[in-house]
Amino acid sequence: MNDSTNICLSCGLCCEGTVIGFVQVGREELPLLRDVIDIENTNGEGFFLQPCKKYCNGCTIYSKRPKQCAKFECGLLKSLEQKEVDFDSAIEIINVVKQKKIDIERKLALLQIELQSQSFYFQMIELKKLLQKNESELSITQNHLDLISDLKQLDSLLSNNFGD
């Protein structure tokens, strides 16, 4: 098994909804995938929101996964394949992102901020809008400032390491 395969299997940030918010499913894939995963159908094409319900510490439908999943290569994977980053450094980046996500989720619970989306990706969009809209109305505490800082750090980590 090569490093790029190992990095994807040990990461999962695309499948669990940190890097990607949804997966588009092509018209030709719908009949095959309907039996494997719940897909929202719109105009003959489909999608499902992340986190993928077939991801549990690894892809449980790997051999039958949608084309978008099979084709997806994040910036970190590309950097690893181009030898711009070594395997251990890539794992460290992944661990930092996972810890930052945990920190944000803890602060959300502490601040009792309830978000509508089930997807972490869309929760972060929702949270940013909420914080911008209510910034003048909120009594900003240190916990709010820490949450805002964590969001900025996560954005930076994701765009610098996982973006194209």
N, C-alpha and C. Protein backbone atom coordinates (compact mmCIF):
# COMPACT_ATOMS: atom_id res chain seq x y z
N MET A 1 0.85 -1.18 0.00
CA MET A 1 0.00 0.00 0.00
C MET A 1 0.89 1.24 0.00
N ASN A 2 0.63 2.19 -0.88
CA ASN A 2 1.49 3.38 -0.94
C ASN A 2 1.05 4.43 0.07
N ASP A 3 1.90 5.44 0.27
CA ASP A 3 1.61 6.48 1.26
C ASP A 3 0.32 7.22 0.99
N SER A 4 0.02 7.48 -0.29
CA SER A 4 -1.19 8.25 -0.59
C SER A 4 -2.44 7.48 -0.19
N THR A 5 -2.46 6.17 -0.36
CA THR A 5 -3.60 5.38 0.07
C THR A 5 -3.68 5.38 1.58
N ASN A 6 -2.53 5.19 2.24
CA ASN A 6 -2.50 5.22 3.69
C ASN A 6 -2.98 6.54 4.25
N ILE A 7 -2.58 7.64 3.62
CA ILE A 7 -2.95 8.96 4.14
C ILE A 7 -4.46 9.14 4.07
N CYS A 8 -5.08 8.70 2.99
CA CYS A 8 -6.53 8.84 2.85
C CYS A 8 -7.27 7.98 3.87
N LEU A 9 -6.81 6.77 4.05
CA LEU A 9 -7.47 5.87 5.00
C LEU A 9 -7.30 6.35 6.44
N SER A 10 -6.18 6.99 6.74
CA SER A 10 -5.98 7.47 8.10
C SER A 10 -6.59 8.86 8.32
N CYS A 11 -6.99 9.52 7.27
CA CYS A 11 -7.51 10.88 7.37
C CYS A 11 -9.04 10.89 7.48
N GLY A 12 -9.71 10.75 6.36
CA GLY A 12 -11.17 10.73 6.35
C GLY A 12 -11.84 12.08 6.50
N LEU A 13 -11.08 13.18 6.48
CA LEU A 13 -11.68 14.50 6.67
C LEU A 13 -12.65 14.89 5.56
N CYS A 14 -12.48 14.30 4.39
CA CYS A 14 -13.45 14.58 3.33
C CYS A 14 -14.75 13.82 3.59
N CYS A 15 -14.66 12.58 4.03
CA CYS A 15 -15.84 11.73 4.25
C CYS A 15 -16.63 12.13 5.48
N GLU A 16 -15.95 12.62 6.51
CA GLU A 16 -16.65 12.92 7.74
C GLU A 16 -17.14 14.36 7.83
N GLY A 17 -17.03 15.08 6.72
CA GLY A 17 -17.70 16.37 6.63
C GLY A 17 -16.91 17.58 7.08
N THR A 18 -15.60 17.51 7.15
CA THR A 18 -14.81 18.68 7.51
C THR A 18 -14.35 19.42 6.25
N VAL A 19 -13.90 18.69 5.26
CA VAL A 19 -13.36 19.29 4.04
C VAL A 19 -14.43 19.48 2.97
N ILE A 20 -15.41 18.58 2.92
CA ILE A 20 -16.45 18.59 1.88
C ILE A 20 -17.82 18.55 2.55
N GLY A 21 -18.76 19.31 1.99
CA GLY A 21 -20.10 19.36 2.55
C GLY A 21 -21.08 18.37 1.95
N PHE A 22 -20.85 18.00 0.69
CA PHE A 22 -21.76 17.04 0.04
C PHE A 22 -21.05 16.36 -1.11
N VAL A 23 -21.63 15.24 -1.56
CA VAL A 23 -21.11 14.50 -2.70
C VAL A 23 -22.19 14.45 -3.77
N GLN A 24 -21.84 14.87 -4.95
CA GLN A 24 -22.74 14.83 -6.10
C GLN A 24 -22.72 13.42 -6.69
N VAL A 25 -23.88 12.92 -7.04
CA VAL A 25 -23.99 11.59 -7.62
C VAL A 25 -24.59 11.74 -9.01
N GLY A 26 -23.89 11.23 -10.01
CA GLY A 26 -24.34 11.34 -11.39
C GLY A 26 -25.55 10.46 -11.69
N ARG A 27 -26.28 10.85 -12.68
CA ARG A 27 -27.49 10.14 -13.12
C ARG A 27 -27.22 8.65 -13.35
N GLU A 28 -26.09 8.35 -13.97
CA GLU A 28 -25.77 6.95 -14.28
C GLU A 28 -25.42 6.14 -13.04
N GLU A 29 -25.03 6.81 -11.97
CA GLU A 29 -24.66 6.11 -10.73
C GLU A 29 -25.86 5.83 -9.82
N LEU A 30 -26.92 6.59 -9.99
CA LEU A 30 -28.05 6.48 -9.07
C LEU A 30 -28.57 5.05 -8.88
N PRO A 31 -28.83 4.31 -9.96
CA PRO A 31 -29.37 2.96 -9.75
C PRO A 31 -28.44 2.06 -8.92
N LEU A 32 -27.15 2.18 -9.11
CA LEU A 32 -26.19 1.35 -8.38
C LEU A 32 -26.04 1.77 -6.93
N LEU A 33 -26.06 3.07 -6.68
CA LEU A 33 -25.78 3.58 -5.34
C LEU A 33 -27.01 3.63 -4.44
N ARG A 34 -28.21 3.64 -5.02
CA ARG A 34 -29.42 3.71 -4.19
C ARG A 34 -29.50 2.58 -3.19
N ASP A 35 -28.99 1.41 -3.58
CA ASP A 35 -29.02 0.26 -2.67
C ASP A 35 -27.93 0.32 -1.61
N VAL A 36 -26.97 1.23 -1.80
CA VAL A 36 -25.81 1.29 -0.92
C VAL A 36 -25.91 2.44 0.09
N ILE A 37 -26.46 3.58 -0.34
CA ILE A 37 -26.49 4.78 0.50
C ILE A 37 -27.75 5.58 0.20
N ASP A 38 -28.24 6.30 1.20
CA ASP A 38 -29.41 7.17 1.01
C ASP A 38 -28.99 8.39 0.21
N ILE A 39 -29.68 8.60 -0.91
CA ILE A 39 -29.33 9.69 -1.81
C ILE A 39 -30.55 10.57 -2.01
N GLU A 40 -30.34 11.87 -1.90
CA GLU A 40 -31.38 12.83 -2.23
C GLU A 40 -31.42 12.94 -3.74
N ASN A 41 -32.59 12.87 -4.31
CA ASN A 41 -32.73 12.90 -5.77
C ASN A 41 -33.31 14.24 -6.20
N THR A 42 -32.60 14.92 -7.10
CA THR A 42 -33.08 16.19 -7.64
C THR A 42 -32.87 16.20 -9.14
N ASN A 43 -33.95 16.31 -9.87
CA ASN A 43 -33.89 16.40 -11.34
C ASN A 43 -33.10 15.27 -11.99
N GLY A 44 -33.26 14.06 -11.48
CA GLY A 44 -32.59 12.91 -12.08
C GLY A 44 -31.17 12.69 -11.63
N GLU A 45 -30.63 13.64 -10.88
CA GLU A 45 -29.30 13.48 -10.31
C GLU A 45 -29.44 13.47 -8.80
N GLY A 46 -28.38 13.12 -8.12
CA GLY A 46 -28.50 13.02 -6.68
C GLY A 46 -27.30 13.56 -5.94
N PHE A 47 -27.45 13.59 -4.62
CA PHE A 47 -26.36 14.01 -3.75
C PHE A 47 -26.63 13.44 -2.36
N PHE A 48 -25.59 13.42 -1.56
CA PHE A 48 -25.77 13.14 -0.15
C PHE A 48 -24.85 14.06 0.63
N LEU A 49 -25.33 14.47 1.80
CA LEU A 49 -24.56 15.37 2.65
C LEU A 49 -23.52 14.60 3.44
N GLN A 50 -22.44 15.27 3.73
CA GLN A 50 -21.43 14.72 4.60
C GLN A 50 -21.79 15.09 6.04
N PRO A 51 -21.54 14.32 7.03
CA PRO A 51 -20.71 13.15 6.96
C PRO A 51 -21.41 11.99 6.27
N CYS A 52 -20.63 11.23 5.55
CA CYS A 52 -21.16 10.07 4.84
C CYS A 52 -21.56 9.02 5.87
N LYS A 53 -22.75 8.53 5.74
CA LYS A 53 -23.24 7.52 6.68
C LYS A 53 -22.53 6.18 6.52
N LYS A 54 -21.76 6.03 5.46
CA LYS A 54 -21.01 4.80 5.22
C LYS A 54 -19.55 4.93 5.63
N TYR A 55 -19.25 6.02 6.33
CA TYR A 55 -17.90 6.23 6.83
C TYR A 55 -17.90 5.98 8.34
N CYS A 56 -17.11 5.02 8.76
CA CYS A 56 -16.97 4.70 10.18
C CYS A 56 -15.53 4.28 10.40
N ASN A 57 -14.67 5.26 10.69
CA ASN A 57 -13.23 5.02 10.79
C ASN A 57 -12.70 4.35 9.53
N GLY A 58 -13.28 4.68 8.42
CA GLY A 58 -12.91 4.14 7.12
C GLY A 58 -14.15 3.99 6.26
N CYS A 59 -13.96 3.94 4.98
CA CYS A 59 -15.08 3.82 4.05
C CYS A 59 -15.57 2.38 4.02
N THR A 60 -16.84 2.18 4.30
CA THR A 60 -17.40 0.83 4.31
C THR A 60 -17.98 0.45 2.95
N ILE A 61 -17.95 1.39 1.99
CA ILE A 61 -18.43 1.10 0.63
C ILE A 61 -17.35 1.43 -0.40
N TYR A 62 -16.11 1.30 -0.01
CA TYR A 62 -14.98 1.75 -0.83
C TYR A 62 -15.05 1.25 -2.27
N SER A 63 -15.34 -0.02 -2.48
CA SER A 63 -15.36 -0.57 -3.84
C SER A 63 -16.59 -0.10 -4.63
N LYS A 64 -17.60 0.44 -3.95
CA LYS A 64 -18.82 0.90 -4.62
C LYS A 64 -19.03 2.40 -4.44
N ARG A 65 -18.02 3.13 -3.98
CA ARG A 65 -18.18 4.55 -3.69
C ARG A 65 -18.47 5.35 -4.95
N PRO A 66 -19.12 6.50 -4.80
CA PRO A 66 -19.44 7.35 -5.96
C PRO A 66 -18.18 7.83 -6.68
N LYS A 67 -18.34 8.15 -7.94
CA LYS A 67 -17.21 8.63 -8.75
C LYS A 67 -16.56 9.86 -8.16
N GLN A 68 -17.38 10.79 -7.64
CA GLN A 68 -16.80 12.00 -7.05
C GLN A 68 -15.86 11.65 -5.91
N CYS A 69 -16.23 10.65 -5.12
CA CYS A 69 -15.36 10.22 -4.01
C CYS A 69 -14.08 9.59 -4.55
N ALA A 70 -14.22 8.75 -5.56
CA ALA A 70 -13.06 8.05 -6.11
C ALA A 70 -12.08 9.03 -6.77
N LYS A 71 -12.59 10.08 -7.38
CA LYS A 71 -11.75 11.04 -8.07
C LYS A 71 -11.15 12.11 -7.16
N PHE A 72 -11.75 12.31 -6.00
CA PHE A 72 -11.35 13.42 -5.14
C PHE A 72 -9.92 13.25 -4.63
N GLU A 73 -9.14 14.31 -4.79
CA GLU A 73 -7.80 14.38 -4.23
C GLU A 73 -7.65 15.74 -3.60
N CYS A 74 -7.50 15.75 -2.29
CA CYS A 74 -7.32 17.03 -1.60
C CYS A 74 -5.91 17.56 -1.84
N GLY A 75 -5.69 18.78 -1.46
CA GLY A 75 -4.37 19.39 -1.61
C GLY A 75 -3.28 18.68 -0.84
N LEU A 76 -3.63 18.14 0.32
CA LEU A 76 -2.63 17.43 1.12
C LEU A 76 -2.17 16.16 0.41
N LEU A 77 -3.11 15.43 -0.16
CA LEU A 77 -2.77 14.23 -0.91
C LEU A 77 -1.88 14.59 -2.11
N LYS A 78 -2.23 15.64 -2.82
CA LYS A 78 -1.43 16.08 -3.96
C LYS A 78 -0.02 16.48 -3.52
N SER A 79 0.06 17.19 -2.40
CA SER A 79 1.38 17.59 -1.87
C SER A 79 2.22 16.38 -1.50
N LEU A 80 1.58 15.37 -0.93
CA LEU A 80 2.28 14.14 -0.56
C LEU A 80 2.77 13.42 -1.82
N GLU A 81 1.90 13.31 -2.82
CA GLU A 81 2.28 12.62 -4.05
C GLU A 81 3.39 13.35 -4.79
N GLN A 82 3.41 14.68 -4.70
CA GLN A 82 4.45 15.47 -5.36
C GLN A 82 5.68 15.65 -4.47
N LYS A 83 5.68 14.97 -3.33
CA LYS A 83 6.80 14.99 -2.39
C LYS A 83 7.11 16.39 -1.85
N GLU A 84 6.07 17.23 -1.77
CA GLU A 84 6.21 18.55 -1.17
C GLU A 84 6.08 18.46 0.35
N VAL A 85 5.49 17.36 0.81
CA VAL A 85 5.34 17.10 2.24
C VAL A 85 5.57 15.60 2.45
N ASP A 86 6.19 15.24 3.57
CA ASP A 86 6.41 13.82 3.82
C ASP A 86 5.22 13.24 4.58
N PHE A 87 5.17 11.93 4.65
CA PHE A 87 4.04 11.23 5.24
C PHE A 87 3.80 11.65 6.69
N ASP A 88 4.86 11.70 7.50
CA ASP A 88 4.71 12.05 8.92
C ASP A 88 4.17 13.48 9.09
N SER A 89 4.64 14.39 8.25
CA SER A 89 4.15 15.77 8.31
C SER A 89 2.68 15.84 7.91
N ALA A 90 2.30 15.05 6.92
CA ALA A 90 0.90 15.01 6.49
C ALA A 90 0.01 14.49 7.61
N ILE A 91 0.46 13.44 8.29
CA ILE A 91 -0.31 12.89 9.42
C ILE A 91 -0.44 13.93 10.52
N GLU A 92 0.62 14.67 10.78
CA GLU A 92 0.57 15.72 11.81
C GLU A 92 -0.44 16.81 11.44
N ILE A 93 -0.47 17.21 10.18
CA ILE A 93 -1.44 18.21 9.71
C ILE A 93 -2.86 17.69 9.93
N ILE A 94 -3.10 16.45 9.57
CA ILE A 94 -4.42 15.83 9.75
C ILE A 94 -4.80 15.84 11.23
N ASN A 95 -3.88 15.47 12.10
CA ASN A 95 -4.16 15.44 13.53
C ASN A 95 -4.46 16.83 14.09
N VAL A 96 -3.75 17.84 13.60
CA VAL A 96 -4.00 19.21 14.04
C VAL A 96 -5.41 19.65 13.62
N VAL A 97 -5.80 19.32 12.39
CA VAL A 97 -7.14 19.68 11.91
C VAL A 97 -8.20 18.96 12.74
N LYS A 98 -8.00 17.67 12.99
CA LYS A 98 -8.97 16.91 13.79
C LYS A 98 -9.09 17.48 15.20
N GLN A 99 -7.97 17.88 15.79
CA GLN A 99 -8.02 18.46 17.13
C GLN A 99 -8.72 19.81 17.10
N LYS A 100 -8.48 20.60 16.07
CA LYS A 100 -9.13 21.91 15.96
C LYS A 100 -10.63 21.74 15.83
N LYS A 101 -11.07 20.73 15.10
CA LYS A 101 -12.50 20.43 14.98
C LYS A 101 -13.08 20.08 16.34
N ILE A 102 -12.39 19.24 17.10
CA ILE A 102 -12.84 18.86 18.44
C ILE A 102 -12.92 20.10 19.34
N ASP A 103 -11.93 20.97 19.26
CA ASP A 103 -11.94 22.21 20.06
C ASP A 103 -13.16 23.07 19.73
N ILE A 104 -13.46 23.19 18.45
CA ILE A 104 -14.62 23.99 18.02
C ILE A 104 -15.92 23.35 18.52
N GLU A 105 -16.04 22.06 18.39
CA GLU A 105 -17.26 21.38 18.84
C GLU A 105 -17.43 21.54 20.35
N ARG A 106 -16.35 21.48 21.11
CA ARG A 106 -16.44 21.69 22.57
C ARG A 106 -16.90 23.11 22.90
N LYS A 107 -16.37 24.08 22.18
CA LYS A 107 -16.75 25.47 22.44
C LYS A 107 -18.20 25.72 22.05
N LEU A 108 -18.65 25.08 20.98
CA LEU A 108 -20.06 25.20 20.60
C LEU A 108 -20.95 24.68 21.72
N ALA A 109 -20.58 23.54 22.29
CA ALA A 109 -21.36 22.96 23.39
C ALA A 109 -21.30 23.86 24.63
N LEU A 110 -20.11 24.37 24.94
CA LEU A 110 -19.94 25.24 26.10
C LEU A 110 -20.78 26.51 25.96
N LEU A 111 -20.79 27.08 24.78
CA LEU A 111 -21.54 28.31 24.53
C LEU A 111 -23.02 28.03 24.23
N GLN A 112 -23.37 26.76 24.19
CA GLN A 112 -24.75 26.32 23.90
C GLN A 112 -25.26 26.92 22.59
N ILE A 113 -24.40 26.88 21.58
CA ILE A 113 -24.79 27.33 20.25
C ILE A 113 -25.31 26.12 19.49
N GLU A 114 -26.57 26.18 19.10
CA GLU A 114 -27.17 25.08 18.36
C GLU A 114 -27.25 25.46 16.89
N LEU A 115 -26.75 24.57 16.06
CA LEU A 115 -26.74 24.80 14.62
C LEU A 115 -27.66 23.80 13.95
N GLN A 116 -28.20 24.17 12.81
CA GLN A 116 -29.19 23.35 12.13
C GLN A 116 -28.59 22.19 11.35
N SER A 117 -27.47 22.42 10.72
CA SER A 117 -26.87 21.42 9.84
C SER A 117 -26.28 20.26 10.61
N GLN A 118 -26.34 19.07 10.01
CA GLN A 118 -25.69 17.89 10.58
C GLN A 118 -24.24 17.79 10.12
N SER A 119 -23.91 18.48 9.06
CA SER A 119 -22.58 18.44 8.47
C SER A 119 -21.68 19.51 9.11
N PHE A 120 -20.52 19.11 9.59
CA PHE A 120 -19.59 20.06 10.19
C PHE A 120 -19.23 21.16 9.19
N TYR A 121 -19.06 20.78 7.94
CA TYR A 121 -18.73 21.74 6.88
C TYR A 121 -19.77 22.87 6.83
N PHE A 122 -21.04 22.49 6.79
CA PHE A 122 -22.11 23.48 6.73
C PHE A 122 -22.36 24.14 8.08
N GLN A 123 -22.06 23.46 9.17
CA GLN A 123 -22.17 24.08 10.49
C GLN A 123 -21.21 25.26 10.58
N MET A 124 -20.01 25.11 10.02
CA MET A 124 -19.03 26.18 10.10
C MET A 124 -19.48 27.40 9.28
N ILE A 125 -20.11 27.15 8.15
CA ILE A 125 -20.66 28.26 7.35
C ILE A 125 -21.77 28.94 8.14
N GLU A 126 -22.65 28.13 8.71
CA GLU A 126 -23.76 28.64 9.52
C GLU A 126 -23.23 29.45 10.71
N LEU A 127 -22.22 28.92 11.37
CA LEU A 127 -21.66 29.58 12.55
C LEU A 127 -21.02 30.92 12.18
N LYS A 128 -20.29 30.96 11.10
CA LYS A 128 -19.65 32.22 10.67
C LYS A 128 -20.70 33.28 10.40
N LYS A 129 -21.77 32.90 9.72
CA LYS A 129 -22.85 33.86 9.44
C LYS A 129 -23.50 34.32 10.73
N LEU A 130 -23.73 33.39 11.64
CA LEU A 130 -24.35 33.72 12.92
C LEU A 130 -23.48 34.69 13.71
N LEU A 131 -22.19 34.42 13.76
CA LEU A 131 -21.28 35.27 14.51
C LEU A 131 -21.15 36.65 13.87
N GLN A 132 -21.12 36.72 12.55
CA GLN A 132 -21.05 38.02 11.87
C GLN A 132 -22.32 38.82 12.08
N LYS A 133 -23.45 38.15 11.94
CA LYS A 133 -24.74 38.82 12.06
C LYS A 133 -24.96 39.34 13.48
N ASN A 134 -24.58 38.55 14.45
CA ASN A 134 -24.88 38.88 15.83
C ASN A 134 -23.71 39.47 16.60
N GLU A 135 -22.62 39.76 15.90
CA GLU A 135 -21.42 40.24 16.60
C GLU A 135 -21.71 41.48 17.43
N SER A 136 -22.49 42.39 16.87
CA SER A 136 -22.79 43.61 17.62
C SER A 136 -23.80 43.36 18.73
N GLU A 137 -24.63 42.32 18.57
CA GLU A 137 -25.66 42.02 19.55
C GLU A 137 -25.16 41.10 20.66
N LEU A 138 -24.13 40.31 20.38
CA LEU A 138 -23.62 39.36 21.36
C LEU A 138 -22.79 40.08 22.42
N SER A 139 -22.91 39.58 23.61
CA SER A 139 -21.96 40.02 24.62
C SER A 139 -20.77 39.07 24.47
N ILE A 140 -19.77 39.53 23.78
CA ILE A 140 -18.63 38.69 23.42
C ILE A 140 -17.83 38.34 24.67
N THR A 141 -17.71 37.05 24.90
CA THR A 141 -16.92 36.56 26.03
C THR A 141 -15.60 36.04 25.48
N GLN A 142 -14.72 35.67 26.37
CA GLN A 142 -13.45 35.09 25.96
C GLN A 142 -13.69 33.80 25.19
N ASN A 143 -14.71 33.03 25.59
CA ASN A 143 -15.04 31.80 24.87
C ASN A 143 -15.46 32.07 23.44
N HIS A 144 -16.22 33.16 23.22
CA HIS A 144 -16.59 33.55 21.86
C HIS A 144 -15.34 33.91 21.06
N LEU A 145 -14.46 34.68 21.67
CA LEU A 145 -13.23 35.08 20.99
C LEU A 145 -12.37 33.86 20.65
N ASP A 146 -12.32 32.91 21.58
CA ASP A 146 -11.56 31.69 21.34
C ASP A 146 -12.17 30.89 20.18
N LEU A 147 -13.50 30.83 20.15
CA LEU A 147 -14.20 30.13 19.07
C LEU A 147 -13.91 30.80 17.73
N ILE A 148 -13.98 32.10 17.68
CA ILE A 148 -13.69 32.84 16.45
C ILE A 148 -12.25 32.58 16.01
N SER A 149 -11.33 32.58 16.96
CA SER A 149 -9.93 32.29 16.66
C SER A 149 -9.76 30.87 16.11
N ASP A 150 -10.43 29.91 16.75
CA ASP A 150 -10.37 28.52 16.27
C ASP A 150 -10.93 28.39 14.85
N LEU A 151 -12.01 29.08 14.57
CA LEU A 151 -12.59 29.04 13.22
C LEU A 151 -11.61 29.58 12.19
N LYS A 152 -10.96 30.68 12.51
CA LYS A 152 -9.98 31.27 11.60
C LYS A 152 -8.80 30.32 11.39
N GLN A 153 -8.35 29.70 12.48
CA GLN A 153 -7.23 28.76 12.37
C GLN A 153 -7.63 27.54 11.52
N LEU A 154 -8.84 27.04 11.73
CA LEU A 154 -9.30 25.90 10.93
C LEU A 154 -9.40 26.28 9.46
N ASP A 155 -9.99 27.43 9.18
CA ASP A 155 -10.07 27.90 7.80
C ASP A 155 -8.70 27.96 7.15
N SER A 156 -7.74 28.50 7.88
CA SER A 156 -6.38 28.62 7.37
C SER A 156 -5.77 27.24 7.12
N LEU A 157 -5.92 26.34 8.08
CA LEU A 157 -5.40 24.98 7.93
C LEU A 157 -6.00 24.29 6.70
N LEU A 158 -7.30 24.41 6.55
CA LEU A 158 -7.98 23.75 5.44
C LEU A 158 -7.59 24.36 4.09
N SER A 159 -7.58 25.69 4.02
CA SER A 159 -7.24 26.30 2.73
C SER A 159 -5.78 26.12 2.37
N ASN A 160 -4.89 26.15 3.36
CA ASN A 160 -3.46 25.99 3.07
C ASN A 160 -3.06 24.56 2.78
N ASN A 161 -3.78 23.59 3.35
CA ASN A 161 -3.35 22.19 3.23
C ASN A 161 -4.28 21.29 2.43
N PHE A 162 -5.56 21.62 2.37
CA PHE A 162 -6.50 20.71 1.72
C PHE A 162 -7.14 21.29 0.47
N GLY A 163 -7.04 22.60 0.30
CA GLY A 163 -7.58 23.24 -0.89
C GLY A 163 -6.76 22.88 -2.12
N ASP A 164 -7.32 23.19 -3.26
CA ASP A 164 -6.59 22.88 -4.51
C ASP A 164 -5.62 23.94 -4.77
